[in-house]
Amino acid sequence: MPFCEISKYRQDSPSPAGADDNGVKIFYRTYGRGPTKVLLIIGLAGTHDSWGPQMKSLAGTVIPNNETEPVDLAGDGDGIEVCAFDNRGMGQSSIPVERGQYTTTIMAKDAIALMDHLGWEKAHVFGHSMGAMISCKLAAMVPKRVLSLALLNTTGGGYECLPKLDRRTMSVAIRFLKAKTPEQRAAVDLDTHYTKEYLDECIGSTTRRQILYQEYVKGISSTGMQLKYGFDGQINACWTHKVTKSDVEAIRSGGFLVSVIHGR
């Protein structure tokens, strides 16, 4: 199985206290071949499989490369090679037990280590939600290795990351925390990701909600529910995230294009 052992690629200063990376492994998959590299960083409680539609569009396939095949680092013509991975705390990656082992900075270092492991000098970086927070930290730490930065549904941290507190938001938050089965999690995810009007639209003899519900249950069941250590740790990473002025200046110094995508 394709894993990146983080401690082999850490060449900077030691991680914060309690964030020992010895033994931490990141599970990843690559798709397609080519000189253009794209790193996809998923959000809270998501796995590499969550990027299915994007992998299909970019690499032309959702079938992962065979890790036993020799890799041509020059790539094939003008093709695209995509890498998606499970963040620490989720899926097949390691699940540290201490909350201090989860910050967006630490997780950005995981992603940089993975680039080193793959032999990627530069890549286009696309992050979603928590993954976009991680992407910001990655771009600030190694701006010369980023070709472009795409941020989907993200926050700079601080008070700005607090959602509007109304009855619906509170209800969704409580259901999210109480979800113990793939079915419960799928139901609350749909209400988090889409509007009621969109979900209630008819598609033939059924509704979009029913179609997506089956897809979500299948996806969540294939990876299993996130363990408490991983969930608490990733929540900690989100709540402690903060893009500083120096981070912004470092990102600007890279001179690459930045796209920020967000729903209402």
C-alpha atoms as a PDB file:
ATOM      1  CA  MET A   1       0.000   0.000   0.000  1.00  0.00           C
ATOM      2  CA  PRO A   2       1.291   3.504  -0.786  1.00  0.00           C
ATOM      3  CA  PHE A   3       2.304   5.254   2.433  1.00  0.00           C
ATOM      4  CA  CYS A   4       4.578   8.198   3.160  1.00  0.00           C
ATOM      5  CA  GLU A   5       6.485   7.929   6.445  1.00  0.00           C
ATOM      6  CA  ILE A   6       6.588  11.557   7.576  1.00  0.00           C
ATOM      7  CA  SER A   7       9.705  11.423   9.767  1.00  0.00           C
ATOM      8  CA  LYS A   8      11.865  10.482   6.761  1.00  0.00           C
ATOM      9  CA  TYR A   9      11.213  13.818   5.084  1.00  0.00           C
ATOM     10  CA  ARG A  10      11.214  16.309   7.950  1.00  0.00           C
ATOM     11  CA  GLN A  11      14.271  18.498   7.476  1.00  0.00           C
ATOM     12  CA  ASP A  12      13.088  21.585   9.336  1.00  0.00           C
ATOM     13  CA  SER A  13      12.976  22.348  13.049  1.00  0.00           C
ATOM     14  CA  PRO A  14      11.291  19.814  15.326  1.00  0.00           C
ATOM     15  CA  SER A  15       7.507  19.855  15.484  1.00  0.00           C
ATOM     16  CA  PRO A  16       5.766  21.500  18.464  1.00  0.00           C
ATOM     17  CA  ALA A  17       5.825  19.700  21.788  1.00  0.00           C
ATOM     18  CA  GLY A  18       3.574  16.657  21.734  1.00  0.00           C
ATOM     19  CA  ALA A  19       3.674  16.426  17.951  1.00  0.00           C
ATOM     20  CA  ASP A  20       6.314  13.722  17.540  1.00  0.00           C
ATOM     21  CA  ASP A  21       6.007  12.413  13.984  1.00  0.00           C
ATOM     22  CA  ASN A  22       7.895   9.170  14.477  1.00  0.00           C
ATOM     23  CA  GLY A  23       5.711   6.431  13.058  1.00  0.00           C
ATOM     24  CA  VAL A  24       3.112   8.732  11.452  1.00  0.00           C
ATOM     25  CA  LYS A  25       2.274   7.498   7.974  1.00  0.00           C
ATOM     26  CA  ILE A  26       0.123   9.209   5.357  1.00  0.00           C
ATOM     27  CA  PHE A  27      -1.857   7.063   2.946  1.00  0.00           C
ATOM     28  CA  TYR A  28      -2.043   8.428  -0.592  1.00  0.00           C
ATOM     29  CA  ARG A  29      -2.971   7.550  -4.152  1.00  0.00           C
ATOM     30  CA  THR A  30      -1.845   9.013  -7.480  1.00  0.00           C
ATOM     31  CA  TYR A  31      -3.890   9.129 -10.668  1.00  0.00           C
ATOM     32  CA  GLY A  32      -2.848   9.720 -14.268  1.00  0.00           C
ATOM     33  CA  ARG A  33       0.594  10.511 -15.640  1.00  0.00           C
ATOM     34  CA  GLY A  34       2.159  13.722 -16.820  1.00  0.00           C
ATOM     35  CA  PRO A  35       4.513  16.601 -16.037  1.00  0.00           C
ATOM     36  CA  THR A  36       1.751  18.724 -14.475  1.00  0.00           C
ATOM     37  CA  LYS A  37       1.293  17.824 -10.817  1.00  0.00           C
ATOM     38  CA  VAL A  38      -1.840  18.528  -8.752  1.00  0.00           C
ATOM     39  CA  LEU A  39      -2.057  17.971  -4.996  1.00  0.00           C
ATOM     40  CA  LEU A  40      -5.582  17.653  -3.581  1.00  0.00           C
ATOM     41  CA  ILE A  41      -6.021  18.229   0.183  1.00  0.00           C
ATOM     42  CA  ILE A  42      -9.387  17.147   1.568  1.00  0.00           C
ATOM     43  CA  GLY A  43     -11.283  18.618   4.518  1.00  0.00           C
ATOM     44  CA  LEU A  44     -12.535  17.516   7.928  1.00  0.00           C
ATOM     45  CA  ALA A  45     -13.395  13.800   8.150  1.00  0.00           C
ATOM     46  CA  GLY A  46     -12.884  13.337   4.388  1.00  0.00           C
ATOM     47  CA  THR A  47     -10.682  10.819   2.594  1.00  0.00           C
ATOM     48  CA  HIS A  48      -8.819  10.785  -0.708  1.00  0.00           C
ATOM     49  CA  ASP A  49     -11.855   9.146  -2.346  1.00  0.00           C
ATOM     50  CA  SER A  50     -13.869  12.326  -1.756  1.00  0.00           C
ATOM     51  CA  TRP A  51     -12.125  13.871  -4.775  1.00  0.00           C
ATOM     52  CA  GLY A  52     -13.610  11.375  -7.270  1.00  0.00           C
ATOM     53  CA  PRO A  53     -15.201  13.880  -9.709  1.00  0.00           C
ATOM     54  CA  GLN A  54     -12.126  16.143  -9.662  1.00  0.00           C
ATOM     55  CA  MET A  55      -9.752  13.206 -10.210  1.00  0.00           C
ATOM     56  CA  LYS A  56     -11.871  12.081 -13.161  1.00  0.00           C
ATOM     57  CA  SER A  57     -11.799  15.559 -14.719  1.00  0.00           C
ATOM     58  CA  LEU A  58      -8.098  16.195 -14.165  1.00  0.00           C
ATOM     59  CA  ALA A  59      -6.508  12.780 -14.670  1.00  0.00           C
ATOM     60  CA  GLY A  60      -9.198  11.185 -16.804  1.00  0.00           C
ATOM     61  CA  THR A  61      -9.579   8.272 -14.415  1.00  0.00           C
ATOM     62  CA  VAL A  62     -10.485   7.314 -10.853  1.00  0.00           C
ATOM     63  CA  ILE A  63      -8.354   4.175 -11.016  1.00  0.00           C
ATOM     64  CA  PRO A  64      -5.166   4.753  -8.987  1.00  0.00           C
ATOM     65  CA  ASN A  65      -1.734   4.245 -10.475  1.00  0.00           C
ATOM     66  CA  ASN A  66      -0.023   0.982  -9.659  1.00  0.00           C
ATOM     67  CA  GLU A  67       2.625   1.842  -7.071  1.00  0.00           C
ATOM     68  CA  THR A  68       4.765  -1.100  -8.271  1.00  0.00           C
ATOM     69  CA  GLU A  69       5.155   0.395 -11.736  1.00  0.00           C
ATOM     70  CA  PRO A  70       8.263   2.489 -12.441  1.00  0.00           C
ATOM     71  CA  VAL A  71       7.393   6.192 -12.480  1.00  0.00           C
ATOM     72  CA  ASP A  72       8.612   8.460 -15.257  1.00  0.00           C
ATOM     73  CA  LEU A  73       9.208  11.718 -13.401  1.00  0.00           C
ATOM     74  CA  ALA A  74       9.155  13.615 -16.682  1.00  0.00           C
ATOM     75  CA  GLY A  75       5.584  12.437 -17.207  1.00  0.00           C
ATOM     76  CA  ASP A  76       3.709  11.740 -20.415  1.00  0.00           C
ATOM     77  CA  GLY A  77       3.479  14.688 -22.799  1.00  0.00           C
ATOM     78  CA  ASP A  78       1.016  17.234 -21.526  1.00  0.00           C
ATOM     79  CA  GLY A  79      -0.790  14.899 -19.099  1.00  0.00           C
ATOM     80  CA  ILE A  80      -1.694  15.558 -15.463  1.00  0.00           C
ATOM     81  CA  GLU A  81      -0.733  13.505 -12.420  1.00  0.00           C
ATOM     82  CA  VAL A  82      -2.993  13.961  -9.403  1.00  0.00           C
ATOM     83  CA  CYS A  83      -2.273  12.984  -5.806  1.00  0.00           C
ATOM     84  CA  ALA A  84      -4.982  12.715  -3.151  1.00  0.00           C
ATOM     85  CA  PHE A  85      -4.379  11.510   0.390  1.00  0.00           C
ATOM     86  CA  ASP A  86      -5.957  10.878   3.773  1.00  0.00           C
ATOM     87  CA  ASN A  87      -5.011  13.533   6.329  1.00  0.00           C
ATOM     88  CA  ARG A  88      -3.664  12.300   9.645  1.00  0.00           C
ATOM     89  CA  GLY A  89      -6.591  11.256  11.812  1.00  0.00           C
ATOM     90  CA  MET A  90      -8.701   9.802   9.010  1.00  0.00           C
ATOM     91  CA  GLY A  91      -8.978   6.868   6.637  1.00  0.00           C
ATOM     92  CA  GLN A  92      -5.892   4.699   6.283  1.00  0.00           C
ATOM     93  CA  SER A  93      -3.430   7.301   7.584  1.00  0.00           C
ATOM     94  CA  SER A  94      -2.086   7.243  11.130  1.00  0.00           C
ATOM     95  CA  ILE A  95      -4.363   8.502  13.906  1.00  0.00           C
ATOM     96  CA  PRO A  96      -2.295  10.205  16.665  1.00  0.00           C
ATOM     97  CA  VAL A  97      -4.080  10.264  20.020  1.00  0.00           C
ATOM     98  CA  GLU A  98      -3.022  13.728  21.241  1.00  0.00           C
ATOM     99  CA  ARG A  99      -4.883  16.820  20.043  1.00  0.00           C
ATOM    100  CA  GLY A 100      -1.580  18.717  19.963  1.00  0.00           C
ATOM    101  CA  GLN A 101      -0.508  16.452  17.096  1.00  0.00           C
ATOM    102  CA  TYR A 102      -3.128  18.093  14.897  1.00  0.00           C
ATOM    103  CA  THR A 103      -2.685  21.662  13.651  1.00  0.00           C
ATOM    104  CA  THR A 104      -2.942  23.030  10.137  1.00  0.00           C
ATOM    105  CA  THR A 105       0.801  23.757  10.265  1.00  0.00           C
ATOM    106  CA  ILE A 106       1.676  20.173  11.219  1.00  0.00           C
ATOM    107  CA  MET A 107      -0.692  18.826   8.583  1.00  0.00           C
ATOM    108  CA  ALA A 108       0.804  21.163   5.964  1.00  0.00           C
ATOM    109  CA  LYS A 109       4.199  19.654   6.797  1.00  0.00           C
ATOM    110  CA  ASP A 110       2.643  16.227   6.166  1.00  0.00           C
ATOM    111  CA  ALA A 111       1.645  17.400   2.691  1.00  0.00           C
ATOM    112  CA  ILE A 112       5.107  18.832   1.987  1.00  0.00           C
ATOM    113  CA  ALA A 113       6.684  15.555   3.120  1.00  0.00           C
ATOM    114  CA  LEU A 114       4.379  13.745   0.699  1.00  0.00           C
ATOM    115  CA  MET A 115       5.544  16.000  -2.157  1.00  0.00           C
ATOM    116  CA  ASP A 116       9.118  15.121  -1.236  1.00  0.00           C
ATOM    117  CA  HIS A 117       8.217  11.426  -1.123  1.00  0.00           C
ATOM    118  CA  LEU A 118       6.721  11.646  -4.627  1.00  0.00           C
ATOM    119  CA  GLY A 119       9.692  13.595  -5.954  1.00  0.00           C
ATOM    120  CA  TRP A 120       7.490  16.578  -6.817  1.00  0.00           C
ATOM    121  CA  GLU A 121       9.423  19.830  -6.778  1.00  0.00           C
ATOM    122  CA  LYS A 122       6.314  21.916  -7.550  1.00  0.00           C
ATOM    123  CA  ALA A 123       2.570  21.361  -7.766  1.00  0.00           C
ATOM    124  CA  HIS A 124      -0.781  23.054  -8.179  1.00  0.00           C
ATOM    125  CA  VAL A 125      -2.427  22.863  -4.744  1.00  0.00           C
ATOM    126  CA  PHE A 126      -6.199  22.591  -4.283  1.00  0.00           C
ATOM    127  CA  GLY A 127      -7.698  22.397  -0.782  1.00  0.00           C
ATOM    128  CA  HIS A 128     -11.262  22.038   0.468  1.00  0.00           C
ATOM    129  CA  SER A 129     -12.485  23.355   3.864  1.00  0.00           C
ATOM    130  CA  MET A 130      -9.908  22.216   6.456  1.00  0.00           C
ATOM    131  CA  GLY A 131      -7.803  21.112   3.497  1.00  0.00           C
ATOM    132  CA  ALA A 132      -7.820  24.693   2.210  1.00  0.00           C
ATOM    133  CA  MET A 133      -6.619  25.899   5.625  1.00  0.00           C
ATOM    134  CA  ILE A 134      -3.797  23.362   5.357  1.00  0.00           C
ATOM    135  CA  SER A 135      -3.110  24.529   1.796  1.00  0.00           C
ATOM    136  CA  CYS A 136      -2.682  28.134   2.992  1.00  0.00           C
ATOM    137  CA  LYS A 137      -0.088  27.050   5.534  1.00  0.00           C
ATOM    138  CA  LEU A 138       1.699  24.926   2.919  1.00  0.00           C
ATOM    139  CA  ALA A 139       1.827  27.858   0.487  1.00  0.00           C
ATOM    140  CA  ALA A 140       3.163  30.158   3.213  1.00  0.00           C
ATOM    141  CA  MET A 141       5.896  27.685   4.190  1.00  0.00           C
ATOM    142  CA  VAL A 142       7.099  26.745   0.695  1.00  0.00           C
ATOM    143  CA  PRO A 143       5.770  29.413  -1.730  1.00  0.00           C
ATOM    144  CA  LYS A 144       8.394  28.537  -4.352  1.00  0.00           C
ATOM    145  CA  ARG A 145       6.957  25.024  -4.626  1.00  0.00           C
ATOM    146  CA  VAL A 146       3.397  26.148  -5.397  1.00  0.00           C
ATOM    147  CA  LEU A 147       2.365  26.676  -9.030  1.00  0.00           C
ATOM    148  CA  SER A 148      -1.148  27.844  -8.140  1.00  0.00           C
ATOM    149  CA  LEU A 149      -3.373  27.794  -5.064  1.00  0.00           C
ATOM    150  CA  ALA A 150      -7.111  27.020  -5.150  1.00  0.00           C
ATOM    151  CA  LEU A 151      -9.063  27.398  -1.895  1.00  0.00           C
ATOM    152  CA  LEU A 152     -12.586  25.992  -1.669  1.00  0.00           C
ATOM    153  CA  ASN A 153     -14.806  26.945   1.297  1.00  0.00           C
ATOM    154  CA  THR A 154     -12.077  28.137   3.602  1.00  0.00           C
ATOM    155  CA  THR A 155     -11.366  30.621   6.391  1.00  0.00           C
ATOM    156  CA  GLY A 156      -8.394  32.581   7.642  1.00  0.00           C
ATOM    157  CA  GLY A 157      -9.272  31.514  11.185  1.00  0.00           C
ATOM    158  CA  GLY A 158     -10.042  33.586  14.244  1.00  0.00           C
ATOM    159  CA  TYR A 159     -13.518  35.010  14.801  1.00  0.00           C
ATOM    160  CA  GLU A 160     -14.143  34.942  11.051  1.00  0.00           C
ATOM    161  CA  CYS A 161     -14.411  31.143  11.105  1.00  0.00           C
ATOM    162  CA  LEU A 162     -17.459  31.227  13.398  1.00  0.00           C
ATOM    163  CA  PRO A 163     -20.646  30.358  11.476  1.00  0.00           C
ATOM    164  CA  LYS A 164     -23.853  32.329  11.794  1.00  0.00           C
ATOM    165  CA  LEU A 165     -25.531  30.912  14.893  1.00  0.00           C
ATOM    166  CA  ASP A 166     -29.180  30.305  14.113  1.00  0.00           C
ATOM    167  CA  ARG A 167     -31.536  27.415  14.834  1.00  0.00           C
ATOM    168  CA  ARG A 168     -30.628  25.535  11.649  1.00  0.00           C
ATOM    169  CA  THR A 169     -26.878  25.844  12.203  1.00  0.00           C
ATOM    170  CA  MET A 170     -27.178  24.631  15.793  1.00  0.00           C
ATOM    171  CA  SER A 171     -29.343  21.698  14.717  1.00  0.00           C
ATOM    172  CA  VAL A 172     -26.868  20.622  12.043  1.00  0.00           C
ATOM    173  CA  ALA A 173     -23.931  20.954  14.485  1.00  0.00           C
ATOM    174  CA  ILE A 174     -25.656  18.800  17.118  1.00  0.00           C
ATOM    175  CA  ARG A 175     -26.597  16.146  14.562  1.00  0.00           C
ATOM    176  CA  PHE A 176     -23.033  16.132  13.214  1.00  0.00           C
ATOM    177  CA  LEU A 177     -21.581  15.520  16.686  1.00  0.00           C
ATOM    178  CA  LYS A 178     -24.130  12.806  17.483  1.00  0.00           C
ATOM    179  CA  ALA A 179     -23.833  10.911  14.177  1.00  0.00           C
ATOM    180  CA  LYS A 180     -22.650   7.355  14.917  1.00  0.00           C
ATOM    181  CA  THR A 181     -23.515   5.508  11.707  1.00  0.00           C
ATOM    182  CA  PRO A 182     -22.842   6.113   7.996  1.00  0.00           C
ATOM    183  CA  GLU A 183     -26.573   6.683   7.511  1.00  0.00           C
ATOM    184  CA  GLN A 184     -26.748   9.372  10.212  1.00  0.00           C
ATOM    185  CA  ARG A 185     -23.569  11.018   8.962  1.00  0.00           C
ATOM    186  CA  ALA A 186     -24.770  10.992   5.342  1.00  0.00           C
ATOM    187  CA  ALA A 187     -28.043  12.671   6.302  1.00  0.00           C
ATOM    188  CA  VAL A 188     -26.364  15.518   8.188  1.00  0.00           C
ATOM    189  CA  ASP A 189     -23.662  15.935   5.517  1.00  0.00           C
ATOM    190  CA  LEU A 190     -26.317  16.512   2.868  1.00  0.00           C
ATOM    191  CA  ASP A 191     -27.919  19.254   4.952  1.00  0.00           C
ATOM    192  CA  THR A 192     -24.474  20.789   5.500  1.00  0.00           C
ATOM    193  CA  HIS A 193     -23.369  20.728   1.869  1.00  0.00           C
ATOM    194  CA  TYR A 194     -26.553  21.587  -0.028  1.00  0.00           C
ATOM    195  CA  THR A 195     -29.665  23.738   0.204  1.00  0.00           C
ATOM    196  CA  LYS A 196     -33.079  22.175   0.823  1.00  0.00           C
ATOM    197  CA  GLU A 197     -34.293  23.423  -2.548  1.00  0.00           C
ATOM    198  CA  TYR A 198     -31.420  21.705  -4.367  1.00  0.00           C
ATOM    199  CA  LEU A 199     -31.917  18.407  -2.515  1.00  0.00           C
ATOM    200  CA  ASP A 200     -35.672  18.380  -3.111  1.00  0.00           C
ATOM    201  CA  GLU A 201     -35.365  18.768  -6.896  1.00  0.00           C
ATOM    202  CA  CYS A 202     -36.816  15.816  -8.802  1.00  0.00           C
ATOM    203  CA  ILE A 203     -34.486  13.685 -10.930  1.00  0.00           C
ATOM    204  CA  GLY A 204     -36.751  11.367 -12.870  1.00  0.00           C
ATOM    205  CA  SER A 205     -38.903   9.463 -10.406  1.00  0.00           C
ATOM    206  CA  THR A 206     -36.775  10.320  -7.362  1.00  0.00           C
ATOM    207  CA  THR A 207     -35.167  13.340  -5.714  1.00  0.00           C
ATOM    208  CA  ARG A 208     -31.590  14.520  -5.707  1.00  0.00           C
ATOM    209  CA  ARG A 209     -31.521  13.962  -1.922  1.00  0.00           C
ATOM    210  CA  GLN A 210     -32.279  10.252  -2.335  1.00  0.00           C
ATOM    211  CA  ILE A 211     -29.628   9.838  -5.028  1.00  0.00           C
ATOM    212  CA  LEU A 212     -26.926  11.685  -3.085  1.00  0.00           C
ATOM    213  CA  TYR A 213     -27.877   9.955   0.162  1.00  0.00           C
ATOM    214  CA  GLN A 214     -27.082   6.546  -1.330  1.00  0.00           C
ATOM    215  CA  GLU A 215     -23.768   7.832  -2.708  1.00  0.00           C
ATOM    216  CA  TYR A 216     -22.789   9.374   0.636  1.00  0.00           C
ATOM    217  CA  VAL A 217     -23.685   6.235   2.618  1.00  0.00           C
ATOM    218  CA  LYS A 218     -21.635   4.114   0.207  1.00  0.00           C
ATOM    219  CA  GLY A 219     -18.634   6.445   0.440  1.00  0.00           C
ATOM    220  CA  ILE A 220     -18.687   6.719   4.230  1.00  0.00           C
ATOM    221  CA  SER A 221     -19.219   2.965   4.654  1.00  0.00           C
ATOM    222  CA  SER A 222     -16.211   2.170   2.457  1.00  0.00           C
ATOM    223  CA  THR A 223     -13.827   4.068   4.753  1.00  0.00           C
ATOM    224  CA  GLY A 224     -15.632   3.666   8.066  1.00  0.00           C
ATOM    225  CA  MET A 225     -16.636   6.300  10.585  1.00  0.00           C
ATOM    226  CA  GLN A 226     -13.847   8.521  11.843  1.00  0.00           C
ATOM    227  CA  LEU A 227     -12.374   7.499  15.202  1.00  0.00           C
ATOM    228  CA  LYS A 228     -12.791   9.916  18.127  1.00  0.00           C
ATOM    229  CA  TYR A 229      -9.058  10.681  18.372  1.00  0.00           C
ATOM    230  CA  GLY A 230      -8.962  11.678  14.714  1.00  0.00           C
ATOM    231  CA  PHE A 231     -12.175  13.707  14.842  1.00  0.00           C
ATOM    232  CA  ASP A 232     -11.165  15.604  17.992  1.00  0.00           C
ATOM    233  CA  GLY A 233      -7.714  16.230  16.559  1.00  0.00           C
ATOM    234  CA  GLN A 234      -8.956  17.568  13.230  1.00  0.00           C
ATOM    235  CA  ILE A 235     -11.519  19.763  15.011  1.00  0.00           C
ATOM    236  CA  ASN A 236      -8.625  21.140  17.072  1.00  0.00           C
ATOM    237  CA  ALA A 237      -6.713  21.907  13.865  1.00  0.00           C
ATOM    238  CA  CYS A 238      -9.679  23.870  12.513  1.00  0.00           C
ATOM    239  CA  TRP A 239     -10.353  25.864  15.693  1.00  0.00           C
ATOM    240  CA  THR A 240      -6.686  26.798  16.212  1.00  0.00           C
ATOM    241  CA  HIS A 241      -6.071  27.725  12.576  1.00  0.00           C
ATOM    242  CA  LYS A 242      -4.956  31.283  11.889  1.00  0.00           C
ATOM    243  CA  VAL A 243      -3.523  32.823   8.719  1.00  0.00           C
ATOM    244  CA  THR A 244      -1.142  35.532   9.914  1.00  0.00           C
ATOM    245  CA  LYS A 245       0.026  38.659   8.107  1.00  0.00           C
ATOM    246  CA  SER A 246       3.389  37.016   7.574  1.00  0.00           C
ATOM    247  CA  ASP A 247       1.615  33.999   6.037  1.00  0.00           C
ATOM    248  CA  VAL A 248      -0.189  36.285   3.594  1.00  0.00           C
ATOM    249  CA  GLU A 249       3.029  38.075   2.666  1.00  0.00           C
ATOM    250  CA  ALA A 250       4.793  34.757   2.118  1.00  0.00           C
ATOM    251  CA  ILE A 251       1.971  33.565  -0.142  1.00  0.00           C
ATOM    252  CA  ARG A 252       2.053  36.832  -2.110  1.00  0.00           C
ATOM    253  CA  SER A 253       5.827  36.508  -2.528  1.00  0.00           C
ATOM    254  CA  GLY A 254       5.329  33.300  -4.498  1.00  0.00           C
ATOM    255  CA  GLY A 255       3.771  35.184  -7.405  1.00  0.00           C
ATOM    256  CA  PHE A 256       1.371  32.341  -8.262  1.00  0.00           C
ATOM    257  CA  LEU A 257      -2.327  32.621  -9.050  1.00  0.00           C
ATOM    258  CA  VAL A 258      -4.774  32.206  -6.157  1.00  0.00           C
ATOM    259  CA  SER A 259      -8.419  31.216  -6.591  1.00  0.00           C
ATOM    260  CA  VAL A 260     -10.881  31.489  -3.696  1.00  0.00           C
ATOM    261  CA  ILE A 261     -14.170  29.641  -4.193  1.00  0.00           C
ATOM    262  CA  HIS A 262     -17.059  29.855  -1.748  1.00  0.00           C
ATOM    263  CA  GLY A 263     -20.804  29.350  -1.573  1.00  0.00           C
ATOM    264  CA  ARG A 264     -23.230  31.786  -0.049  1.00  0.00           C
END
